[in-house]
Amino acid sequence: MHKLLLRWCLKSFQKKVTSYKADVGAIFDGDGDRVLFVDNEGRKIHPDVVAVLLSKSFKGPISLDVRQGYIAR
């Protein structure tokens, strides 16, 4: 039931993002410790890509996981 509800919420959210013609959408989980981003077509954006994109707006050193190194280049 839990995964089915999550899938339904995600599908509903993706439809809202596309219907509003938003550039990006962000949705938090129940306790707010995780966030999921979708693009203007409702496709999930990988968390590593989000981290690298956010790091581009900061001045100074940024610490990324070694798995993100190929994306950061």
C-alpha atoms as a PDB file:
ATOM      1  CA  MET A   1       0.000   0.000   0.000  1.00  0.00           C
ATOM      2  CA  HIS A   2       2.789   2.425   0.942  1.00  0.00           C
ATOM      3  CA  LYS A   3       4.643   2.168  -2.410  1.00  0.00           C
ATOM      4  CA  LEU A   4       1.385   2.320  -4.329  1.00  0.00           C
ATOM      5  CA  LEU A   5       0.435   5.543  -2.535  1.00  0.00           C
ATOM      6  CA  LEU A   6       3.875   7.028  -3.249  1.00  0.00           C
ATOM      7  CA  ARG A   7       3.570   6.146  -6.941  1.00  0.00           C
ATOM      8  CA  TRP A   8       0.133   7.743  -7.081  1.00  0.00           C
ATOM      9  CA  CYS A   9       1.384  10.926  -5.378  1.00  0.00           C
ATOM     10  CA  LEU A  10       4.344  11.165  -7.759  1.00  0.00           C
ATOM     11  CA  LYS A  11       2.160  10.673 -10.841  1.00  0.00           C
ATOM     12  CA  SER A  12      -0.276  13.299  -9.583  1.00  0.00           C
ATOM     13  CA  PHE A  13       2.600  15.717  -8.901  1.00  0.00           C
ATOM     14  CA  GLN A  14       4.132  15.130 -12.343  1.00  0.00           C
ATOM     15  CA  LYS A  15       0.773  15.921 -13.979  1.00  0.00           C
ATOM     16  CA  LYS A  16       0.471  19.146 -11.955  1.00  0.00           C
ATOM     17  CA  VAL A  17       3.953  20.319 -12.982  1.00  0.00           C
ATOM     18  CA  THR A  18       3.201  19.767 -16.656  1.00  0.00           C
ATOM     19  CA  SER A  19      -0.322  21.220 -16.480  1.00  0.00           C
ATOM     20  CA  TYR A  20       1.001  24.436 -14.902  1.00  0.00           C
ATOM     21  CA  LYS A  21       3.781  24.535 -17.529  1.00  0.00           C
ATOM     22  CA  ALA A  22       6.310  24.935 -14.704  1.00  0.00           C
ATOM     23  CA  ASP A  23      10.021  24.838 -15.485  1.00  0.00           C
ATOM     24  CA  VAL A  24      10.705  22.550 -12.532  1.00  0.00           C
ATOM     25  CA  GLY A  25       8.806  20.997  -9.641  1.00  0.00           C
ATOM     26  CA  ALA A  26       9.970  20.039  -6.149  1.00  0.00           C
ATOM     27  CA  ILE A  27       8.111  17.795  -3.734  1.00  0.00           C
ATOM     28  CA  PHE A  28       9.139  16.837  -0.199  1.00  0.00           C
ATOM     29  CA  ASP A  29       8.497  13.549   1.551  1.00  0.00           C
ATOM     30  CA  GLY A  30       6.303  13.370   4.647  1.00  0.00           C
ATOM     31  CA  ASP A  31       8.862  14.562   7.203  1.00  0.00           C
ATOM     32  CA  GLY A  32      10.708  16.917   4.845  1.00  0.00           C
ATOM     33  CA  ASP A  33      14.116  15.264   4.941  1.00  0.00           C
ATOM     34  CA  ARG A  34      14.095  14.342   1.236  1.00  0.00           C
ATOM     35  CA  VAL A  35      13.101  16.200  -1.896  1.00  0.00           C
ATOM     36  CA  LEU A  36      12.394  15.027  -5.435  1.00  0.00           C
ATOM     37  CA  PHE A  37      12.680  17.284  -8.472  1.00  0.00           C
ATOM     38  CA  VAL A  38      10.965  16.849 -11.827  1.00  0.00           C
ATOM     39  CA  ASP A  39      11.568  18.767 -15.039  1.00  0.00           C
ATOM     40  CA  ASN A  40       9.037  20.625 -17.175  1.00  0.00           C
ATOM     41  CA  GLU A  41       7.957  17.359 -18.784  1.00  0.00           C
ATOM     42  CA  GLY A  42       7.401  15.632 -15.442  1.00  0.00           C
ATOM     43  CA  ARG A  43      10.524  13.457 -15.670  1.00  0.00           C
ATOM     44  CA  LYS A  44      12.430  12.785 -12.452  1.00  0.00           C
ATOM     45  CA  ILE A  45      15.743  14.645 -12.195  1.00  0.00           C
ATOM     46  CA  HIS A  46      18.476  12.463 -10.685  1.00  0.00           C
ATOM     47  CA  PRO A  47      19.591  13.738  -7.237  1.00  0.00           C
ATOM     48  CA  ASP A  48      23.250  13.832  -8.350  1.00  0.00           C
ATOM     49  CA  VAL A  49      22.348  16.204 -11.184  1.00  0.00           C
ATOM     50  CA  VAL A  50      20.401  18.437  -8.779  1.00  0.00           C
ATOM     51  CA  ALA A  51      23.399  18.565  -6.396  1.00  0.00           C
ATOM     52  CA  VAL A  52      25.774  19.581  -9.165  1.00  0.00           C
ATOM     53  CA  LEU A  53      23.380  22.205 -10.547  1.00  0.00           C
ATOM     54  CA  LEU A  54      22.887  23.709  -7.089  1.00  0.00           C
ATOM     55  CA  SER A  55      26.632  23.726  -6.465  1.00  0.00           C
ATOM     56  CA  LYS A  56      27.128  25.873  -9.591  1.00  0.00           C
ATOM     57  CA  SER A  57      25.379  28.781  -7.860  1.00  0.00           C
ATOM     58  CA  PHE A  58      27.742  28.791  -4.854  1.00  0.00           C
ATOM     59  CA  LYS A  59      31.056  30.627  -4.664  1.00  0.00           C
ATOM     60  CA  GLY A  60      33.929  28.783  -3.037  1.00  0.00           C
ATOM     61  CA  PRO A  61      34.667  25.116  -2.485  1.00  0.00           C
ATOM     62  CA  ILE A  62      31.918  22.510  -2.722  1.00  0.00           C
ATOM     63  CA  SER A  63      32.142  18.960  -1.405  1.00  0.00           C
ATOM     64  CA  LEU A  64      30.528  16.339  -3.647  1.00  0.00           C
ATOM     65  CA  ASP A  65      30.377  12.579  -3.344  1.00  0.00           C
ATOM     66  CA  VAL A  66      32.985  10.827  -5.520  1.00  0.00           C
ATOM     67  CA  ARG A  67      30.150   9.289  -7.548  1.00  0.00           C
ATOM     68  CA  GLN A  68      29.195  12.795  -8.671  1.00  0.00           C
ATOM     69  CA  GLY A  69      32.640  13.630 -10.013  1.00  0.00           C
ATOM     70  CA  TYR A  70      31.818  12.618 -13.577  1.00  0.00           C
ATOM     71  CA  ILE A  71      28.774  14.907 -13.572  1.00  0.00           C
ATOM     72  CA  ALA A  72      30.641  17.868 -12.051  1.00  0.00           C
ATOM     73  CA  ARG A  73      33.122  18.047 -14.921  1.00  0.00           C
END
